[in-house]
Amino acid sequence: MIRQIPRVFACLLMALVVACSSTSTGDDHRWSYDEAVRRIGRPPTRSVSAPDGSLEATWETHTRDTTRQLIMTFDRSRRLTGSRNATVPRRR
């Protein structure tokens, strides 16, 4: 359980960074998909491409009872267009 705390903290910190960067006024401050993967340190747990070319990528961090999700949406040029967090019961 204690080993999970740094992972949860890292996920929350990354979500805060993403939230701050996605609200910036300059277009050049938005993350690309490759930059998100590099900064998070691993590829997404799952990703889904839409017919319009946009991409929704989900990074999951598991705790004992829940799964924290960082969900990022990218446009067809793979620039960040939005992000959100979710906590869901852990599937077993």
PDB file of N, CA and C in Angstrom:
ATOM      1  N   MET A   1       0.824  -1.198   0.000  1.00  0.00           N
ATOM      2  CA  MET A   1       0.000   0.000   0.000  1.00  0.00           C
ATOM      3  C   MET A   1       0.869   1.263   0.000  1.00  0.00           C
ATOM      4  N   ILE A   2       1.893   1.276   0.835  1.00  0.00           N
ATOM      5  CA  ILE A   2       2.732   2.472   0.935  1.00  0.00           C
ATOM      6  C   ILE A   2       3.510   2.689  -0.362  1.00  0.00           C
ATOM      7  N   ARG A   3       3.852   1.613  -1.060  1.00  0.00           N
ATOM      8  CA  ARG A   3       4.564   1.772  -2.327  1.00  0.00           C
ATOM      9  C   ARG A   3       3.697   2.449  -3.375  1.00  0.00           C
ATOM     10  N   GLN A   4       2.380   2.407  -3.233  1.00  0.00           N
ATOM     11  CA  GLN A   4       1.473   3.015  -4.198  1.00  0.00           C
ATOM     12  C   GLN A   4       1.389   4.535  -4.036  1.00  0.00           C
ATOM     13  N   ILE A   5       1.699   5.046  -2.860  1.00  0.00           N
ATOM     14  CA  ILE A   5       1.553   6.480  -2.589  1.00  0.00           C
ATOM     15  C   ILE A   5       2.365   7.333  -3.563  1.00  0.00           C
ATOM     16  N   PRO A   6       3.648   7.032  -3.832  1.00  0.00           N
ATOM     17  CA  PRO A   6       4.376   7.865  -4.803  1.00  0.00           C
ATOM     18  C   PRO A   6       3.750   7.838  -6.195  1.00  0.00           C
ATOM     19  N   ARG A   7       3.212   6.710  -6.615  1.00  0.00           N
ATOM     20  CA  ARG A   7       2.589   6.624  -7.935  1.00  0.00           C
ATOM     21  C   ARG A   7       1.332   7.481  -7.990  1.00  0.00           C
ATOM     22  N   VAL A   8       0.537   7.439  -6.929  1.00  0.00           N
ATOM     23  CA  VAL A   8      -0.680   8.250  -6.891  1.00  0.00           C
ATOM     24  C   VAL A   8      -0.309   9.726  -6.876  1.00  0.00           C
ATOM     25  N   PHE A   9       0.686  10.081  -6.065  1.00  0.00           N
ATOM     26  CA  PHE A   9       1.131  11.469  -6.001  1.00  0.00           C
ATOM     27  C   PHE A   9       1.648  11.929  -7.355  1.00  0.00           C
ATOM     28  N   ALA A  10       2.423  11.078  -8.038  1.00  0.00           N
ATOM     29  CA  ALA A  10       2.949  11.434  -9.358  1.00  0.00           C
ATOM     30  C   ALA A  10       1.821  11.652 -10.356  1.00  0.00           C
ATOM     31  N   CYS A  11       0.793  10.815 -10.292  1.00  0.00           N
ATOM     32  CA  CYS A  11      -0.346  10.962 -11.202  1.00  0.00           C
ATOM     33  C   CYS A  11      -1.079  12.277 -10.929  1.00  0.00           C
ATOM     34  N   LEU A  12      -1.278  12.590  -9.652  1.00  0.00           N
ATOM     35  CA  LEU A  12      -1.953  13.842  -9.306  1.00  0.00           C
ATOM     36  C   LEU A  12      -1.119  15.052  -9.718  1.00  0.00           C
ATOM     37  N   LEU A  13       0.178  14.976  -9.522  1.00  0.00           N
ATOM     38  CA  LEU A  13       1.059  16.070  -9.921  1.00  0.00           C
ATOM     39  C   LEU A  13       1.032  16.255 -11.434  1.00  0.00           C
ATOM     40  N   MET A  14       1.061  15.157 -12.176  1.00  0.00           N
ATOM     41  CA  MET A  14       1.019  15.240 -13.638  1.00  0.00           C
ATOM     42  C   MET A  14      -0.310  15.842 -14.093  1.00  0.00           C
ATOM     43  N   ALA A  15      -1.390  15.474 -13.428  1.00  0.00           N
ATOM     44  CA  ALA A  15      -2.691  16.033 -13.787  1.00  0.00           C
ATOM     45  C   ALA A  15      -2.710  17.544 -13.565  1.00  0.00           C
ATOM     46  N   LEU A  16      -2.087  17.994 -12.483  1.00  0.00           N
ATOM     47  CA  LEU A  16      -2.013  19.424 -12.210  1.00  0.00           C
ATOM     48  C   LEU A  16      -1.196  20.141 -13.283  1.00  0.00           C
ATOM     49  N   VAL A  17      -0.079  19.563 -13.667  1.00  0.00           N
ATOM     50  CA  VAL A  17       0.755  20.156 -14.717  1.00  0.00           C
ATOM     51  C   VAL A  17      -0.012  20.225 -16.027  1.00  0.00           C
ATOM     52  N   VAL A  18      -0.709  19.151 -16.364  1.00  0.00           N
ATOM     53  CA  VAL A  18      -1.486  19.120 -17.602  1.00  0.00           C
ATOM     54  C   VAL A  18      -2.590  20.163 -17.561  1.00  0.00           C
ATOM     55  N   ALA A  19      -3.273  20.266 -16.430  1.00  0.00           N
ATOM     56  CA  ALA A  19      -4.353  21.245 -16.309  1.00  0.00           C
ATOM     57  C   ALA A  19      -3.822  22.663 -16.487  1.00  0.00           C
ATOM     58  N   CYS A  20      -2.685  22.951 -15.897  1.00  0.00           N
ATOM     59  CA  CYS A  20      -2.107  24.293 -16.029  1.00  0.00           C
ATOM     60  C   CYS A  20      -1.657  24.562 -17.458  1.00  0.00           C
ATOM     61  N   SER A  21      -1.040  23.576 -18.090  1.00  0.00           N
ATOM     62  CA  SER A  21      -0.541  23.812 -19.443  1.00  0.00           C
ATOM     63  C   SER A  21      -1.667  23.878 -20.460  1.00  0.00           C
ATOM     64  N   SER A  22      -2.779  23.182 -20.211  1.00  0.00           N
ATOM     65  CA  SER A  22      -3.866  23.208 -21.192  1.00  0.00           C
ATOM     66  C   SER A  22      -4.686  24.489 -21.100  1.00  0.00           C
ATOM     67  N   THR A  23      -4.508  25.258 -20.019  1.00  0.00           N
ATOM     68  CA  THR A  23      -5.235  26.518 -19.898  1.00  0.00           C
ATOM     69  C   THR A  23      -4.380  27.711 -20.313  1.00  0.00           C
ATOM     70  N   SER A  24      -3.174  27.463 -20.784  1.00  0.00           N
ATOM     71  CA  SER A  24      -2.327  28.578 -21.202  1.00  0.00           C
ATOM     72  C   SER A  24      -2.907  29.233 -22.450  1.00  0.00           C
ATOM     73  N   THR A  25      -2.553  30.491 -22.645  1.00  0.00           N
ATOM     74  CA  THR A  25      -3.131  31.235 -23.759  1.00  0.00           C
ATOM     75  C   THR A  25      -2.408  30.990 -25.070  1.00  0.00           C
ATOM     76  N   GLY A  26      -1.152  30.638 -25.017  1.00  0.00           N
ATOM     77  CA  GLY A  26      -0.395  30.444 -26.248  1.00  0.00           C
ATOM     78  C   GLY A  26      -0.527  29.036 -26.791  1.00  0.00           C
ATOM     79  N   ASP A  27      -0.696  28.928 -28.081  1.00  0.00           N
ATOM     80  CA  ASP A  27      -0.816  27.630 -28.733  1.00  0.00           C
ATOM     81  C   ASP A  27       0.472  26.831 -28.616  1.00  0.00           C
ATOM     82  N   ASP A  28       1.614  27.523 -28.543  1.00  0.00           N
ATOM     83  CA  ASP A  28       2.895  26.835 -28.503  1.00  0.00           C
ATOM     84  C   ASP A  28       3.150  26.161 -27.167  1.00  0.00           C
ATOM     85  N   HIS A  29       2.305  26.398 -26.161  1.00  0.00           N
ATOM     86  CA  HIS A  29       2.491  25.797 -24.847  1.00  0.00           C
ATOM     87  C   HIS A  29       1.746  24.480 -24.700  1.00  0.00           C
ATOM     88  N   ARG A  30       0.964  24.105 -25.692  1.00  0.00           N
ATOM     89  CA  ARG A  30       0.227  22.845 -25.591  1.00  0.00           C
ATOM     90  C   ARG A  30       1.162  21.673 -25.841  1.00  0.00           C
ATOM     91  N   TRP A  31       0.976  20.623 -25.061  1.00  0.00           N
ATOM     92  CA  TRP A  31       1.792  19.432 -25.231  1.00  0.00           C
ATOM     93  C   TRP A  31       1.419  18.707 -26.508  1.00  0.00           C
ATOM     94  N   SER A  32       2.388  18.042 -27.084  1.00  0.00           N
ATOM     95  CA  SER A  32       2.110  17.089 -28.158  1.00  0.00           C
ATOM     96  C   SER A  32       1.922  15.720 -27.496  1.00  0.00           C
ATOM     97  N   TYR A  33       1.398  14.776 -28.251  1.00  0.00           N
ATOM     98  CA  TYR A  33       1.228  13.418 -27.732  1.00  0.00           C
ATOM     99  C   TYR A  33       2.581  12.846 -27.306  1.00  0.00           C
ATOM    100  N   ASP A  34       3.602  13.010 -28.149  1.00  0.00           N
ATOM    101  CA  ASP A  34       4.933  12.483 -27.833  1.00  0.00           C
ATOM    102  C   ASP A  34       5.502  13.108 -26.566  1.00  0.00           C
ATOM    103  N   GLU A  35       5.268  14.402 -26.383  1.00  0.00           N
ATOM    104  CA  GLU A  35       5.757  15.071 -25.180  1.00  0.00           C
ATOM    105  C   GLU A  35       5.028  14.561 -23.946  1.00  0.00           C
ATOM    106  N   ALA A  36       3.740  14.308 -24.050  1.00  0.00           N
ATOM    107  CA  ALA A  36       2.976  13.764 -22.921  1.00  0.00           C
ATOM    108  C   ALA A  36       3.519  12.397 -22.516  1.00  0.00           C
ATOM    109  N   VAL A  37       3.761  11.541 -23.492  1.00  0.00           N
ATOM    110  CA  VAL A  37       4.305  10.210 -23.195  1.00  0.00           C
ATOM    111  C   VAL A  37       5.677  10.337 -22.543  1.00  0.00           C
ATOM    112  N   ARG A  38       6.498  11.237 -23.054  1.00  0.00           N
ATOM    113  CA  ARG A  38       7.839  11.427 -22.493  1.00  0.00           C
ATOM    114  C   ARG A  38       7.766  11.951 -21.064  1.00  0.00           C
ATOM    115  N   ARG A  39       6.924  12.936 -20.817  1.00  0.00           N
ATOM    116  CA  ARG A  39       6.836  13.524 -19.474  1.00  0.00           C
ATOM    117  C   ARG A  39       6.185  12.585 -18.463  1.00  0.00           C
ATOM    118  N   ILE A  40       5.194  11.834 -18.888  1.00  0.00           N
ATOM    119  CA  ILE A  40       4.544  10.890 -17.978  1.00  0.00           C
ATOM    120  C   ILE A  40       5.443   9.680 -17.745  1.00  0.00           C
ATOM    121  N   GLY A  41       6.260   9.362 -18.721  1.00  0.00           N
ATOM    122  CA  GLY A  41       7.237   8.305 -18.530  1.00  0.00           C
ATOM    123  C   GLY A  41       6.810   6.932 -19.006  1.00  0.00           C
ATOM    124  N   ARG A  42       5.664   6.840 -19.619  1.00  0.00           N
ATOM    125  CA  ARG A  42       5.193   5.555 -20.145  1.00  0.00           C
ATOM    126  C   ARG A  42       4.079   5.805 -21.143  1.00  0.00           C
ATOM    127  N   PRO A  43       3.848   4.856 -22.040  1.00  0.00           N
ATOM    128  CA  PRO A  43       2.746   5.023 -22.993  1.00  0.00           C
ATOM    129  C   PRO A  43       1.409   4.905 -22.273  1.00  0.00           C
ATOM    130  N   PRO A  44       0.344   5.366 -22.875  1.00  0.00           N
ATOM    131  CA  PRO A  44      -0.959   5.272 -22.221  1.00  0.00           C
ATOM    132  C   PRO A  44      -1.393   3.819 -22.038  1.00  0.00           C
ATOM    133  N   THR A  45      -2.225   3.605 -21.033  1.00  0.00           N
ATOM    134  CA  THR A  45      -2.785   2.285 -20.787  1.00  0.00           C
ATOM    135  C   THR A  45      -3.677   1.871 -21.944  1.00  0.00           C
ATOM    136  N   ARG A  46      -4.409   2.850 -22.472  1.00  0.00           N
ATOM    137  CA  ARG A  46      -5.243   2.596 -23.656  1.00  0.00           C
ATOM    138  C   ARG A  46      -5.418   3.903 -24.408  1.00  0.00           C
ATOM    139  N   SER A  47      -5.688   3.786 -25.702  1.00  0.00           N
ATOM    140  CA  SER A  47      -5.976   4.967 -26.512  1.00  0.00           C
ATOM    141  C   SER A  47      -6.988   4.593 -27.585  1.00  0.00           C
ATOM    142  N   VAL A  48      -7.814   5.573 -27.936  1.00  0.00           N
ATOM    143  CA  VAL A  48      -8.872   5.361 -28.922  1.00  0.00           C
ATOM    144  C   VAL A  48      -8.817   6.504 -29.924  1.00  0.00           C
ATOM    145  N   SER A  49      -8.758   6.156 -31.205  1.00  0.00           N
ATOM    146  CA  SER A  49      -8.787   7.160 -32.270  1.00  0.00           C
ATOM    147  C   SER A  49     -10.214   7.334 -32.768  1.00  0.00           C
ATOM    148  N   ALA A  50     -10.615   8.580 -32.969  1.00  0.00           N
ATOM    149  CA  ALA A  50     -11.946   8.891 -33.501  1.00  0.00           C
ATOM    150  C   ALA A  50     -11.869   8.995 -35.021  1.00  0.00           C
ATOM    151  N   PRO A  51     -13.013   8.897 -35.704  1.00  0.00           N
ATOM    152  CA  PRO A  51     -13.020   9.015 -37.169  1.00  0.00           C
ATOM    153  C   PRO A  51     -12.440  10.338 -37.679  1.00  0.00           C
ATOM    154  N   ASP A  52     -12.545  11.406 -36.877  1.00  0.00           N
ATOM    155  CA  ASP A  52     -12.013  12.702 -37.315  1.00  0.00           C
ATOM    156  C   ASP A  52     -10.500  12.818 -37.126  1.00  0.00           C
ATOM    157  N   GLY A  53      -9.868  11.767 -36.614  1.00  0.00           N
ATOM    158  CA  GLY A  53      -8.423  11.773 -36.435  1.00  0.00           C
ATOM    159  C   GLY A  53      -7.966  12.166 -35.049  1.00  0.00           C
ATOM    160  N   SER A  54      -8.887  12.585 -34.186  1.00  0.00           N
ATOM    161  CA  SER A  54      -8.496  12.937 -32.826  1.00  0.00           C
ATOM    162  C   SER A  54      -8.206  11.658 -32.033  1.00  0.00           C
ATOM    163  N   LEU A  55      -7.550  11.826 -30.904  1.00  0.00           N
ATOM    164  CA  LEU A  55      -7.121  10.688 -30.098  1.00  0.00           C
ATOM    165  C   LEU A  55      -7.438  10.953 -28.638  1.00  0.00           C
ATOM    166  N   GLU A  56      -7.989   9.961 -27.947  1.00  0.00           N
ATOM    167  CA  GLU A  56      -8.182  10.037 -26.501  1.00  0.00           C
ATOM    168  C   GLU A  56      -7.282   8.982 -25.872  1.00  0.00           C
ATOM    169  N   ALA A  57      -6.332   9.428 -25.054  1.00  0.00           N
ATOM    170  CA  ALA A  57      -5.375   8.530 -24.411  1.00  0.00           C
ATOM    171  C   ALA A  57      -5.626   8.528 -22.912  1.00  0.00           C
ATOM    172  N   THR A  58      -5.577   7.348 -22.307  1.00  0.00           N
ATOM    173  CA  THR A  58      -5.838   7.199 -20.879  1.00  0.00           C
ATOM    174  C   THR A  58      -4.645   6.542 -20.203  1.00  0.00           C
ATOM    175  N   TRP A  59      -4.126   7.209 -19.176  1.00  0.00           N
ATOM    176  CA  TRP A  59      -3.088   6.642 -18.327  1.00  0.00           C
ATOM    177  C   TRP A  59      -3.749   6.249 -17.019  1.00  0.00           C
ATOM    178  N   GLU A  60      -3.519   5.025 -16.562  1.00  0.00           N
ATOM    179  CA  GLU A  60      -4.133   4.542 -15.328  1.00  0.00           C
ATOM    180  C   GLU A  60      -3.068   4.264 -14.279  1.00  0.00           C
ATOM    181  N   THR A  61      -3.406   4.594 -13.028  1.00  0.00           N
ATOM    182  CA  THR A  61      -2.585   4.265 -11.872  1.00  0.00           C
ATOM    183  C   THR A  61      -3.489   3.558 -10.887  1.00  0.00           C
ATOM    184  N   HIS A  62      -3.101   2.349 -10.498  1.00  0.00           N
ATOM    185  CA  HIS A  62      -3.944   1.543  -9.619  1.00  0.00           C
ATOM    186  C   HIS A  62      -3.547   1.727  -8.162  1.00  0.00           C
ATOM    187  N   THR A  63      -4.541   1.865  -7.316  1.00  0.00           N
ATOM    188  CA  THR A  63      -4.352   1.817  -5.875  1.00  0.00           C
ATOM    189  C   THR A  63      -5.057   0.554  -5.398  1.00  0.00           C
ATOM    190  N   ARG A  64      -5.123   0.384  -4.112  1.00  0.00           N
ATOM    191  CA  ARG A  64      -5.726  -0.846  -3.593  1.00  0.00           C
ATOM    192  C   ARG A  64      -7.174  -1.015  -4.018  1.00  0.00           C
ATOM    193  N   ASP A  65      -7.964   0.049  -3.918  1.00  0.00           N
ATOM    194  CA  ASP A  65      -9.396  -0.058  -4.186  1.00  0.00           C
ATOM    195  C   ASP A  65      -9.873   0.717  -5.407  1.00  0.00           C
ATOM    196  N   THR A  66      -9.046   1.596  -5.928  1.00  0.00           N
ATOM    197  CA  THR A  66      -9.488   2.448  -7.032  1.00  0.00           C
ATOM    198  C   THR A  66      -8.448   2.493  -8.151  1.00  0.00           C
ATOM    199  N   THR A  67      -8.874   3.024  -9.255  1.00  0.00           N
ATOM    200  CA  THR A  67      -7.978   3.292 -10.374  1.00  0.00           C
ATOM    201  C   THR A  67      -8.091   4.775 -10.706  1.00  0.00           C
ATOM    202  N   ARG A  68      -6.951   5.475 -10.671  1.00  0.00           N
ATOM    203  CA  ARG A  68      -6.910   6.888 -11.054  1.00  0.00           C
ATOM    204  C   ARG A  68      -6.646   6.938 -12.542  1.00  0.00           C
ATOM    205  N   GLN A  69      -7.426   7.742 -13.245  1.00  0.00           N
ATOM    206  CA  GLN A  69      -7.263   7.870 -14.688  1.00  0.00           C
ATOM    207  C   GLN A  69      -6.941   9.313 -15.050  1.00  0.00           C
ATOM    208  N   LEU A  70      -5.934   9.484 -15.874  1.00  0.00           N
ATOM    209  CA  LEU A  70      -5.627  10.767 -16.495  1.00  0.00           C
ATOM    210  C   LEU A  70      -6.001  10.594 -17.958  1.00  0.00           C
ATOM    211  N   ILE A  71      -7.011  11.324 -18.412  1.00  0.00           N
ATOM    212  CA  ILE A  71      -7.536  11.182 -19.767  1.00  0.00           C
ATOM    213  C   ILE A  71      -7.195  12.452 -20.534  1.00  0.00           C
ATOM    214  N   MET A  72      -6.430  12.295 -21.598  1.00  0.00           N
ATOM    215  CA  MET A  72      -5.999  13.441 -22.397  1.00  0.00           C
ATOM    216  C   MET A  72      -6.530  13.285 -23.814  1.00  0.00           C
ATOM    217  N   THR A  73      -7.012  14.389 -24.384  1.00  0.00           N
ATOM    218  CA  THR A  73      -7.540  14.392 -25.741  1.00  0.00           C
ATOM    219  C   THR A  73      -6.600  15.200 -26.628  1.00  0.00           C
ATOM    220  N   PHE A  74      -6.292  14.640 -27.807  1.00  0.00           N
ATOM    221  CA  PHE A  74      -5.394  15.275 -28.762  1.00  0.00           C
ATOM    222  C   PHE A  74      -6.115  15.437 -30.095  1.00  0.00           C
ATOM    223  N   ASP A  75      -5.827  16.534 -30.803  1.00  0.00           N
ATOM    224  CA  ASP A  75      -6.435  16.726 -32.124  1.00  0.00           C
ATOM    225  C   ASP A  75      -5.694  15.875 -33.157  1.00  0.00           C
ATOM    226  N   ARG A  76      -6.074  15.997 -34.417  1.00  0.00           N
ATOM    227  CA  ARG A  76      -5.477  15.134 -35.444  1.00  0.00           C
ATOM    228  C   ARG A  76      -3.991  15.388 -35.637  1.00  0.00           C
ATOM    229  N   SER A  77      -3.509  16.575 -35.267  1.00  0.00           N
ATOM    230  CA  SER A  77      -2.069  16.841 -35.350  1.00  0.00           C
ATOM    231  C   SER A  77      -1.356  16.438 -34.057  1.00  0.00           C
ATOM    232  N   ARG A  78      -2.079  15.773 -33.178  1.00  0.00           N
ATOM    233  CA  ARG A  78      -1.582  15.244 -31.898  1.00  0.00           C
ATOM    234  C   ARG A  78      -1.132  16.336 -30.933  1.00  0.00           C
ATOM    235  N   ARG A  79      -1.876  17.460 -30.930  1.00  0.00           N
ATOM    236  CA  ARG A  79      -1.673  18.521 -29.946  1.00  0.00           C
ATOM    237  C   ARG A  79      -2.766  18.399 -28.897  1.00  0.00           C
ATOM    238  N   LEU A  80      -2.419  18.630 -27.654  1.00  0.00           N
ATOM    239  CA  LEU A  80      -3.356  18.497 -26.544  1.00  0.00           C
ATOM    240  C   LEU A  80      -4.510  19.482 -26.679  1.00  0.00           C
ATOM    241  N   THR A  81      -5.730  18.978 -26.585  1.00  0.00           N
ATOM    242  CA  THR A  81      -6.909  19.850 -26.636  1.00  0.00           C
ATOM    243  C   THR A  81      -7.670  19.853 -25.322  1.00  0.00           C
ATOM    244  N   GLY A  82      -7.410  18.893 -24.445  1.00  0.00           N
ATOM    245  CA  GLY A  82      -8.093  18.865 -23.161  1.00  0.00           C
ATOM    246  C   GLY A  82      -7.646  17.685 -22.321  1.00  0.00           C
ATOM    247  N   SER A  83      -7.935  17.772 -21.033  1.00  0.00           N
ATOM    248  CA  SER A  83      -7.610  16.664 -20.135  1.00  0.00           C
ATOM    249  C   SER A  83      -8.575  16.674 -18.969  1.00  0.00           C
ATOM    250  N   ARG A  84      -8.717  15.512 -18.358  1.00  0.00           N
ATOM    251  CA  ARG A  84      -9.558  15.394 -17.168  1.00  0.00           C
ATOM    252  C   ARG A  84      -9.057  14.209 -16.350  1.00  0.00           C
ATOM    253  N   ASN A  85      -9.471  14.172 -15.098  1.00  0.00           N
ATOM    254  CA  ASN A  85      -9.116  13.083 -14.191  1.00  0.00           C
ATOM    255  C   ASN A  85     -10.372  12.359 -13.770  1.00  0.00           C
ATOM    256  N   ALA A  86     -10.220  11.104 -13.459  1.00  0.00           N
ATOM    257  CA  ALA A  86     -11.336  10.322 -12.946  1.00  0.00           C
ATOM    258  C   ALA A  86     -10.795   9.306 -11.950  1.00  0.00           C
ATOM    259  N   THR A  87     -11.617   8.974 -10.975  1.00  0.00           N
ATOM    260  CA  THR A  87     -11.319   7.891 -10.047  1.00  0.00           C
ATOM    261  C   THR A  87     -12.447   6.895 -10.167  1.00  0.00           C
ATOM    262  N   VAL A  88     -12.107   5.663 -10.468  1.00  0.00           N
ATOM    263  CA  VAL A  88     -13.121   4.627 -10.647  1.00  0.00           C
ATOM    264  C   VAL A  88     -12.784   3.449  -9.742  1.00  0.00           C
ATOM    265  N   PRO A  89     -13.801   2.669  -9.340  1.00  0.00           N
ATOM    266  CA  PRO A  89     -13.513   1.470  -8.547  1.00  0.00           C
ATOM    267  C   PRO A  89     -12.603   0.535  -9.341  1.00  0.00           C
ATOM    268  N   ARG A  90     -11.702  -0.082  -8.652  1.00  0.00           N
ATOM    269  CA  ARG A  90     -10.756  -0.979  -9.327  1.00  0.00           C
ATOM    270  C   ARG A  90     -11.456  -2.259  -9.758  1.00  0.00           C
ATOM    271  N   ARG A  91     -11.243  -2.621 -11.018  1.00  0.00           N
ATOM    272  CA  ARG A  91     -11.791  -3.879 -11.540  1.00  0.00           C
ATOM    273  C   ARG A  91     -10.859  -5.011 -11.149  1.00  0.00           C
ATOM    274  N   ARG A  92     -11.413  -6.100 -10.710  1.00  0.00           N
ATOM    275  CA  ARG A  92     -10.575  -7.251 -10.304  1.00  0.00           C
ATOM    276  C   ARG A  92     -10.860  -8.447 -11.139  1.00  0.00           C
TER     277      ARG A  92
END
